Amino acid sequence: MTKLRSEGRVPARRRGRLEGYLAAGVQVSALASSGVEAAIVQIDVGPTGFDIGGVNGGVALGSTRQILFPTSNQYWLGLFNNYSDSSGYFTIRGLAMGPTAGVAFDGGYVAPHKFARNDVIDATATFTSQQLRSVFRVQTPGVTVVAPDFGPDSFIGFRSSQGSYGWLEVTWSQAASEFQILSGAYEDQAGVAIRAGAVPEPTTGSLAALVCGGAAFARWRSLRAARAARREPR
């Protein structure tokens, strides 16, 4: 165990406070040092990660963004905000994946499948890499097709190029014509099902650290109370 070093002696009051901090912090340091990886990997959709959590994926109107997702050797995620293809015939808004990855859909065009929390995402779903099938809105000179609303606790399922299943928590409003990606995760083992909204579970080591940390903190409080009792005048 690493020993704390200081110049001079620490006053008793400060030493007791320090002991309490150390006891309470056991579980924090143990959690940080745990090297066990969970089977489910969370996706950082915020500014410190892929930065795709803004309205319409944070993409400017009339533009598209294609990013390597979630790692450079796997597959891409395409985000479209009223983006027109080279022919100018289709204008699309929503998301898609490729080249061999896919988004779960219900068949036909503009039909991303809406999973509810805890729904299973696995091989029973149908996945597509065709953009016109997985986006929320497609507009042509004569026809506009719009997907139903995705309200709170709505998820899109996907399958990576390596066959790993994952989810993206999304919202989509027909009235506002806006979508937003709130969070995401995927299973790091190909072919293993994942439940919509599932996140990594604490490891056995982390749980043990929490128990040990709580016991250490309780012991420190007991010792402090005993010391205080001895100092009370009789």
C-alpha atoms as a PDB file:
ATOM      1  CA  MET A   1       0.000   0.000   0.000  1.00  0.00           C
ATOM      2  CA  THR A   2       1.302   3.448  -0.901  1.00  0.00           C
ATOM      3  CA  LYS A   3       2.175   5.549   2.148  1.00  0.00           C
ATOM      4  CA  LEU A   4       1.342   9.230   2.319  1.00  0.00           C
ATOM      5  CA  ARG A   5       4.337  11.445   3.023  1.00  0.00           C
ATOM      6  CA  SER A   6       4.273  14.936   4.456  1.00  0.00           C
ATOM      7  CA  GLU A   7       6.711  17.406   5.917  1.00  0.00           C
ATOM      8  CA  GLY A   8       6.270  17.577   9.653  1.00  0.00           C
ATOM      9  CA  ARG A   9       3.520  16.006  11.697  1.00  0.00           C
ATOM     10  CA  VAL A  10      -0.159  16.260  10.796  1.00  0.00           C
ATOM     11  CA  PRO A  11      -2.349  17.703  13.585  1.00  0.00           C
ATOM     12  CA  ALA A  12      -4.742  15.196  15.117  1.00  0.00           C
ATOM     13  CA  ARG A  13      -7.853  16.972  13.833  1.00  0.00           C
ATOM     14  CA  ARG A  14      -6.567  17.092  10.260  1.00  0.00           C
ATOM     15  CA  ARG A  15      -5.266  13.524  10.535  1.00  0.00           C
ATOM     16  CA  GLY A  16      -8.722  12.249  11.538  1.00  0.00           C
ATOM     17  CA  ARG A  17     -10.350  14.094   8.660  1.00  0.00           C
ATOM     18  CA  LEU A  18      -7.782  12.703   6.237  1.00  0.00           C
ATOM     19  CA  GLU A  19      -8.395   9.169   7.480  1.00  0.00           C
ATOM     20  CA  GLY A  20     -12.089   9.658   6.825  1.00  0.00           C
ATOM     21  CA  TYR A  21     -11.492  10.861   3.296  1.00  0.00           C
ATOM     22  CA  LEU A  22      -9.224   7.907   2.610  1.00  0.00           C
ATOM     23  CA  ALA A  23     -11.754   5.438   3.992  1.00  0.00           C
ATOM     24  CA  ALA A  24     -14.610   6.974   2.016  1.00  0.00           C
ATOM     25  CA  GLY A  25     -12.490   7.082  -1.128  1.00  0.00           C
ATOM     26  CA  VAL A  26     -11.490   3.419  -1.203  1.00  0.00           C
ATOM     27  CA  GLN A  27     -14.337   2.488  -3.486  1.00  0.00           C
ATOM     28  CA  VAL A  28     -13.614   5.385  -5.851  1.00  0.00           C
ATOM     29  CA  SER A  29      -9.979   4.445  -6.439  1.00  0.00           C
ATOM     30  CA  ALA A  30     -10.813   0.766  -6.763  1.00  0.00           C
ATOM     31  CA  LEU A  31     -13.476   1.491  -9.374  1.00  0.00           C
ATOM     32  CA  ALA A  32     -11.060   3.609 -11.359  1.00  0.00           C
ATOM     33  CA  SER A  33      -8.343   0.969 -11.315  1.00  0.00           C
ATOM     34  CA  SER A  34     -10.534  -1.967 -12.293  1.00  0.00           C
ATOM     35  CA  GLY A  35      -9.202  -3.488 -15.488  1.00  0.00           C
ATOM     36  CA  VAL A  36     -12.165  -5.745 -16.220  1.00  0.00           C
ATOM     37  CA  GLU A  37     -14.131  -4.710 -19.294  1.00  0.00           C
ATOM     38  CA  ALA A  38     -17.866  -5.216 -19.550  1.00  0.00           C
ATOM     39  CA  ALA A  39     -19.404  -6.947 -22.570  1.00  0.00           C
ATOM     40  CA  ILE A  40     -21.514  -3.870 -23.322  1.00  0.00           C
ATOM     41  CA  VAL A  41     -19.647  -0.754 -24.452  1.00  0.00           C
ATOM     42  CA  GLN A  42     -21.223   2.670 -24.088  1.00  0.00           C
ATOM     43  CA  ILE A  43     -20.979   5.172 -26.941  1.00  0.00           C
ATOM     44  CA  ASP A  44     -20.106   8.759 -26.073  1.00  0.00           C
ATOM     45  CA  VAL A  45     -22.434  10.838 -28.260  1.00  0.00           C
ATOM     46  CA  GLY A  46     -21.477  14.141 -26.600  1.00  0.00           C
ATOM     47  CA  PRO A  47     -18.819  16.759 -27.382  1.00  0.00           C
ATOM     48  CA  THR A  48     -16.070  14.676 -25.750  1.00  0.00           C
ATOM     49  CA  GLY A  49     -16.934  11.713 -27.972  1.00  0.00           C
ATOM     50  CA  PHE A  50     -18.474  11.559 -31.433  1.00  0.00           C
ATOM     51  CA  ASP A  51     -20.341  14.853 -30.921  1.00  0.00           C
ATOM     52  CA  ILE A  52     -23.541  13.654 -32.579  1.00  0.00           C
ATOM     53  CA  GLY A  53     -25.997  14.568 -29.821  1.00  0.00           C
ATOM     54  CA  GLY A  54     -27.199  17.886 -31.212  1.00  0.00           C
ATOM     55  CA  VAL A  55     -30.462  18.599 -33.008  1.00  0.00           C
ATOM     56  CA  ASN A  56     -30.435  16.686 -36.315  1.00  0.00           C
ATOM     57  CA  GLY A  57     -27.094  15.213 -35.296  1.00  0.00           C
ATOM     58  CA  GLY A  58     -25.522  18.661 -35.106  1.00  0.00           C
ATOM     59  CA  VAL A  59     -25.396  18.731 -38.922  1.00  0.00           C
ATOM     60  CA  ALA A  60     -26.000  22.019 -40.737  1.00  0.00           C
ATOM     61  CA  LEU A  61     -29.155  22.366 -42.826  1.00  0.00           C
ATOM     62  CA  GLY A  62     -28.700  20.897 -46.290  1.00  0.00           C
ATOM     63  CA  SER A  63     -25.611  18.966 -45.225  1.00  0.00           C
ATOM     64  CA  THR A  64     -24.523  15.464 -44.287  1.00  0.00           C
ATOM     65  CA  ARG A  65     -21.844  14.038 -42.033  1.00  0.00           C
ATOM     66  CA  GLN A  66     -20.334  10.580 -42.257  1.00  0.00           C
ATOM     67  CA  ILE A  67     -18.243   9.401 -39.313  1.00  0.00           C
ATOM     68  CA  LEU A  68     -16.359   6.214 -38.500  1.00  0.00           C
ATOM     69  CA  PHE A  69     -18.446   4.582 -35.827  1.00  0.00           C
ATOM     70  CA  PRO A  70     -17.758   3.513 -33.182  1.00  0.00           C
ATOM     71  CA  THR A  71     -14.156   2.687 -34.180  1.00  0.00           C
ATOM     72  CA  SER A  72     -12.170   3.374 -37.328  1.00  0.00           C
ATOM     73  CA  ASN A  73     -11.982  -0.243 -38.479  1.00  0.00           C
ATOM     74  CA  GLN A  74     -15.682  -1.011 -38.234  1.00  0.00           C
ATOM     75  CA  TYR A  75     -18.351   1.031 -40.025  1.00  0.00           C
ATOM     76  CA  TRP A  76     -19.740   4.466 -40.670  1.00  0.00           C
ATOM     77  CA  LEU A  77     -22.740   6.372 -39.363  1.00  0.00           C
ATOM     78  CA  GLY A  78     -24.314   8.818 -41.785  1.00  0.00           C
ATOM     79  CA  LEU A  79     -26.282  11.823 -40.522  1.00  0.00           C
ATOM     80  CA  PHE A  80     -28.475  13.787 -42.932  1.00  0.00           C
ATOM     81  CA  ASN A  81     -30.204  17.127 -42.410  1.00  0.00           C
ATOM     82  CA  ASN A  82     -32.338  17.786 -45.506  1.00  0.00           C
ATOM     83  CA  TYR A  83     -29.481  16.552 -47.638  1.00  0.00           C
ATOM     84  CA  SER A  84     -30.012  16.039 -51.377  1.00  0.00           C
ATOM     85  CA  ASP A  85     -28.266  13.338 -53.350  1.00  0.00           C
ATOM     86  CA  SER A  86     -26.240  14.039 -56.494  1.00  0.00           C
ATOM     87  CA  SER A  87     -29.357  13.894 -58.657  1.00  0.00           C
ATOM     88  CA  GLY A  88     -31.153  16.377 -56.459  1.00  0.00           C
ATOM     89  CA  TYR A  89     -34.287  14.255 -56.547  1.00  0.00           C
ATOM     90  CA  PHE A  90     -34.308  12.983 -52.950  1.00  0.00           C
ATOM     91  CA  THR A  91     -33.953  15.143 -49.852  1.00  0.00           C
ATOM     92  CA  ILE A  92     -33.444  13.130 -46.662  1.00  0.00           C
ATOM     93  CA  ARG A  93     -33.299  13.713 -42.910  1.00  0.00           C
ATOM     94  CA  GLY A  94     -32.245  11.080 -40.394  1.00  0.00           C
ATOM     95  CA  LEU A  95     -29.496   8.496 -40.031  1.00  0.00           C
ATOM     96  CA  ALA A  96     -28.104   5.439 -41.780  1.00  0.00           C
ATOM     97  CA  MET A  97     -25.212   2.995 -41.422  1.00  0.00           C
ATOM     98  CA  GLY A  98     -22.964   1.171 -43.856  1.00  0.00           C
ATOM     99  CA  PRO A  99     -21.351  -0.197 -45.825  1.00  0.00           C
ATOM    100  CA  THR A 100     -22.092  -3.645 -44.356  1.00  0.00           C
ATOM    101  CA  ALA A 101     -23.560  -2.378 -41.089  1.00  0.00           C
ATOM    102  CA  GLY A 102     -27.272  -1.692 -40.893  1.00  0.00           C
ATOM    103  CA  VAL A 103     -30.158  -0.066 -39.047  1.00  0.00           C
ATOM    104  CA  ALA A 104     -33.181  -2.147 -38.004  1.00  0.00           C
ATOM    105  CA  PHE A 105     -36.240  -1.265 -40.079  1.00  0.00           C
ATOM    106  CA  ASP A 106     -39.778  -2.488 -40.710  1.00  0.00           C
ATOM    107  CA  GLY A 107     -39.637  -2.830 -44.498  1.00  0.00           C
ATOM    108  CA  GLY A 108     -40.302  -0.281 -47.203  1.00  0.00           C
ATOM    109  CA  TYR A 109     -39.047   3.289 -47.173  1.00  0.00           C
ATOM    110  CA  VAL A 110     -38.666   5.660 -44.202  1.00  0.00           C
ATOM    111  CA  ALA A 111     -39.319   2.830 -41.754  1.00  0.00           C
ATOM    112  CA  PRO A 112     -36.747   2.696 -38.929  1.00  0.00           C
ATOM    113  CA  HIS A 113     -37.990   0.210 -36.342  1.00  0.00           C
ATOM    114  CA  LYS A 114     -38.840   1.781 -32.984  1.00  0.00           C
ATOM    115  CA  PHE A 115     -37.618  -0.333 -30.067  1.00  0.00           C
ATOM    116  CA  ALA A 116     -38.888   0.291 -26.545  1.00  0.00           C
ATOM    117  CA  ARG A 117     -36.596   0.112 -23.530  1.00  0.00           C
ATOM    118  CA  ASN A 118     -35.553  -3.482 -22.746  1.00  0.00           C
ATOM    119  CA  ASP A 119     -36.678  -4.788 -26.143  1.00  0.00           C
ATOM    120  CA  VAL A 120     -34.230  -7.390 -27.476  1.00  0.00           C
ATOM    121  CA  ILE A 121     -32.114  -6.430 -30.496  1.00  0.00           C
ATOM    122  CA  ASP A 122     -30.769  -9.516 -32.258  1.00  0.00           C
ATOM    123  CA  ALA A 123     -30.839 -11.520 -35.488  1.00  0.00           C
ATOM    124  CA  THR A 124     -34.638 -11.582 -35.537  1.00  0.00           C
ATOM    125  CA  ALA A 125     -34.634  -7.938 -36.645  1.00  0.00           C
ATOM    126  CA  THR A 126     -34.178  -6.894 -40.279  1.00  0.00           C
ATOM    127  CA  PHE A 127     -31.278  -4.505 -40.918  1.00  0.00           C
ATOM    128  CA  THR A 128     -30.638  -2.241 -43.874  1.00  0.00           C
ATOM    129  CA  SER A 129     -27.779  -0.051 -45.104  1.00  0.00           C
ATOM    130  CA  GLN A 130     -30.060   1.733 -47.586  1.00  0.00           C
ATOM    131  CA  GLN A 131     -30.428   5.337 -46.533  1.00  0.00           C
ATOM    132  CA  LEU A 132     -33.965   5.807 -47.852  1.00  0.00           C
ATOM    133  CA  ARG A 133     -35.206   2.967 -45.646  1.00  0.00           C
ATOM    134  CA  SER A 134     -33.702   3.974 -42.287  1.00  0.00           C
ATOM    135  CA  VAL A 135     -34.082   7.788 -42.264  1.00  0.00           C
ATOM    136  CA  PHE A 136     -36.997   9.700 -40.702  1.00  0.00           C
ATOM    137  CA  ARG A 137     -38.011  11.823 -43.673  1.00  0.00           C
ATOM    138  CA  VAL A 138     -37.703  11.611 -47.455  1.00  0.00           C
ATOM    139  CA  GLN A 139     -38.936  14.365 -49.744  1.00  0.00           C
ATOM    140  CA  THR A 140     -39.248  14.215 -53.540  1.00  0.00           C
ATOM    141  CA  PRO A 141     -40.801  16.746 -55.933  1.00  0.00           C
ATOM    142  CA  GLY A 142     -44.113  14.919 -55.691  1.00  0.00           C
ATOM    143  CA  VAL A 143     -44.158  12.959 -52.417  1.00  0.00           C
ATOM    144  CA  THR A 144     -42.966  13.395 -48.826  1.00  0.00           C
ATOM    145  CA  VAL A 145     -42.775  10.332 -46.563  1.00  0.00           C
ATOM    146  CA  VAL A 146     -42.325  10.815 -42.811  1.00  0.00           C
ATOM    147  CA  ALA A 147     -41.726   8.247 -40.059  1.00  0.00           C
ATOM    148  CA  PRO A 148     -43.953   8.187 -36.942  1.00  0.00           C
ATOM    149  CA  ASP A 149     -42.763  10.107 -33.884  1.00  0.00           C
ATOM    150  CA  PHE A 150     -40.085   8.606 -31.655  1.00  0.00           C
ATOM    151  CA  GLY A 151     -40.946   9.858 -28.173  1.00  0.00           C
ATOM    152  CA  PRO A 152     -39.205   9.319 -24.812  1.00  0.00           C
ATOM    153  CA  ASP A 153     -37.569   5.915 -24.334  1.00  0.00           C
ATOM    154  CA  SER A 154     -37.402   5.200 -28.064  1.00  0.00           C
ATOM    155  CA  PHE A 155     -34.453   3.344 -29.566  1.00  0.00           C
ATOM    156  CA  ILE A 156     -33.017   2.491 -32.949  1.00  0.00           C
ATOM    157  CA  GLY A 157     -31.279  -0.872 -33.236  1.00  0.00           C
ATOM    158  CA  PHE A 158     -28.218  -1.496 -35.348  1.00  0.00           C
ATOM    159  CA  ARG A 159     -25.828  -4.242 -36.367  1.00  0.00           C
ATOM    160  CA  SER A 160     -22.137  -3.490 -36.945  1.00  0.00           C
ATOM    161  CA  SER A 161     -20.026  -4.747 -39.826  1.00  0.00           C
ATOM    162  CA  GLN A 162     -18.672  -7.423 -37.465  1.00  0.00           C
ATOM    163  CA  GLY A 163     -22.142  -8.575 -36.433  1.00  0.00           C
ATOM    164  CA  SER A 164     -22.324  -6.837 -33.047  1.00  0.00           C
ATOM    165  CA  TYR A 165     -25.737  -5.508 -32.030  1.00  0.00           C
ATOM    166  CA  GLY A 166     -26.284  -2.089 -30.510  1.00  0.00           C
ATOM    167  CA  TRP A 167     -28.782   0.675 -29.838  1.00  0.00           C
ATOM    168  CA  LEU A 168     -29.119   4.432 -30.125  1.00  0.00           C
ATOM    169  CA  GLU A 169     -31.624   6.270 -27.951  1.00  0.00           C
ATOM    170  CA  VAL A 170     -33.283   8.805 -30.240  1.00  0.00           C
ATOM    171  CA  THR A 171     -36.155  11.233 -30.475  1.00  0.00           C
ATOM    172  CA  TRP A 172     -37.939  12.281 -33.659  1.00  0.00           C
ATOM    173  CA  SER A 173     -40.709  14.852 -34.021  1.00  0.00           C
ATOM    174  CA  GLN A 174     -42.766  15.013 -37.214  1.00  0.00           C
ATOM    175  CA  ALA A 175     -44.088  18.470 -36.334  1.00  0.00           C
ATOM    176  CA  ALA A 176     -40.658  19.990 -35.708  1.00  0.00           C
ATOM    177  CA  SER A 177     -38.937  17.743 -38.283  1.00  0.00           C
ATOM    178  CA  GLU A 178     -36.097  17.198 -35.813  1.00  0.00           C
ATOM    179  CA  PHE A 179     -34.275  14.147 -34.528  1.00  0.00           C
ATOM    180  CA  GLN A 180     -31.735  13.848 -31.738  1.00  0.00           C
ATOM    181  CA  ILE A 181     -29.412  11.084 -30.562  1.00  0.00           C
ATOM    182  CA  LEU A 182     -29.342  10.943 -26.759  1.00  0.00           C
ATOM    183  CA  SER A 183     -27.136   7.931 -25.945  1.00  0.00           C
ATOM    184  CA  GLY A 184     -25.947   4.599 -27.277  1.00  0.00           C
ATOM    185  CA  ALA A 185     -24.190   1.301 -26.588  1.00  0.00           C
ATOM    186  CA  TYR A 186     -23.227  -1.915 -28.333  1.00  0.00           C
ATOM    187  CA  GLU A 187     -22.314  -5.486 -27.452  1.00  0.00           C
ATOM    188  CA  ASP A 188     -18.609  -6.152 -28.008  1.00  0.00           C
ATOM    189  CA  GLN A 189     -19.213  -9.802 -28.946  1.00  0.00           C
ATOM    190  CA  ALA A 190     -20.570 -10.536 -32.414  1.00  0.00           C
ATOM    191  CA  GLY A 191     -23.929 -12.294 -32.504  1.00  0.00           C
ATOM    192  CA  VAL A 192     -24.805 -11.601 -28.858  1.00  0.00           C
ATOM    193  CA  ALA A 193     -28.176  -9.928 -28.351  1.00  0.00           C
ATOM    194  CA  ILE A 194     -28.507  -6.644 -26.492  1.00  0.00           C
ATOM    195  CA  ARG A 195     -31.510  -5.023 -24.848  1.00  0.00           C
ATOM    196  CA  ALA A 196     -32.425  -1.491 -25.854  1.00  0.00           C
ATOM    197  CA  GLY A 197     -31.093   0.883 -23.210  1.00  0.00           C
ATOM    198  CA  ALA A 198     -28.760  -1.699 -21.622  1.00  0.00           C
ATOM    199  CA  VAL A 199     -25.520  -0.263 -20.210  1.00  0.00           C
ATOM    200  CA  PRO A 200     -22.373  -1.878 -18.766  1.00  0.00           C
ATOM    201  CA  GLU A 201     -22.888  -3.501 -15.362  1.00  0.00           C
ATOM    202  CA  PRO A 202     -20.439  -3.001 -12.485  1.00  0.00           C
ATOM    203  CA  THR A 203     -17.749  -5.662 -12.394  1.00  0.00           C
ATOM    204  CA  THR A 204     -17.354  -8.064  -9.468  1.00  0.00           C
ATOM    205  CA  GLY A 205     -14.250  -6.147  -8.423  1.00  0.00           C
ATOM    206  CA  SER A 206     -16.133  -2.867  -8.441  1.00  0.00           C
ATOM    207  CA  LEU A 207     -18.933  -4.276  -6.294  1.00  0.00           C
ATOM    208  CA  ALA A 208     -16.401  -5.708  -3.844  1.00  0.00           C
ATOM    209  CA  ALA A 209     -14.678  -2.344  -3.693  1.00  0.00           C
ATOM    210  CA  LEU A 210     -17.957  -0.652  -2.844  1.00  0.00           C
ATOM    211  CA  VAL A 211     -18.555  -3.104   0.004  1.00  0.00           C
ATOM    212  CA  CYS A 212     -14.995  -2.775   1.322  1.00  0.00           C
ATOM    213  CA  GLY A 213     -15.107   0.993   0.993  1.00  0.00           C
ATOM    214  CA  GLY A 214     -18.354   1.187   2.926  1.00  0.00           C
ATOM    215  CA  ALA A 215     -16.977  -1.052   5.659  1.00  0.00           C
ATOM    216  CA  ALA A 216     -13.833   1.065   5.943  1.00  0.00           C
ATOM    217  CA  PHE A 217     -15.874   4.236   6.212  1.00  0.00           C
ATOM    218  CA  ALA A 218     -18.122   2.726   8.897  1.00  0.00           C
ATOM    219  CA  ARG A 219     -15.071   1.583  10.887  1.00  0.00           C
ATOM    220  CA  TRP A 220     -13.526   5.053  10.672  1.00  0.00           C
ATOM    221  CA  ARG A 221     -16.747   6.637  11.961  1.00  0.00           C
ATOM    222  CA  SER A 222     -16.859   4.164  14.839  1.00  0.00           C
ATOM    223  CA  LEU A 223     -13.234   4.915  15.809  1.00  0.00           C
ATOM    224  CA  ARG A 224     -13.854   8.655  15.636  1.00  0.00           C
ATOM    225  CA  ALA A 225     -16.895   8.351  17.903  1.00  0.00           C
ATOM    226  CA  ALA A 226     -14.850   6.292  20.401  1.00  0.00           C
ATOM    227  CA  ARG A 227     -12.082   8.928  20.431  1.00  0.00           C
ATOM    228  CA  ALA A 228     -14.605  11.694  20.960  1.00  0.00           C
ATOM    229  CA  ALA A 229     -16.146   9.782  23.862  1.00  0.00           C
ATOM    230  CA  ARG A 230     -12.748   9.406  25.573  1.00  0.00           C
ATOM    231  CA  ARG A 231     -12.164  13.150  25.347  1.00  0.00           C
ATOM    232  CA  GLU A 232     -15.489  14.044  27.001  1.00  0.00           C
ATOM    233  CA  PRO A 233     -15.116  15.387  30.579  1.00  0.00           C
ATOM    234  CA  ARG A 234     -16.330  13.074  33.287  1.00  0.00           C
END
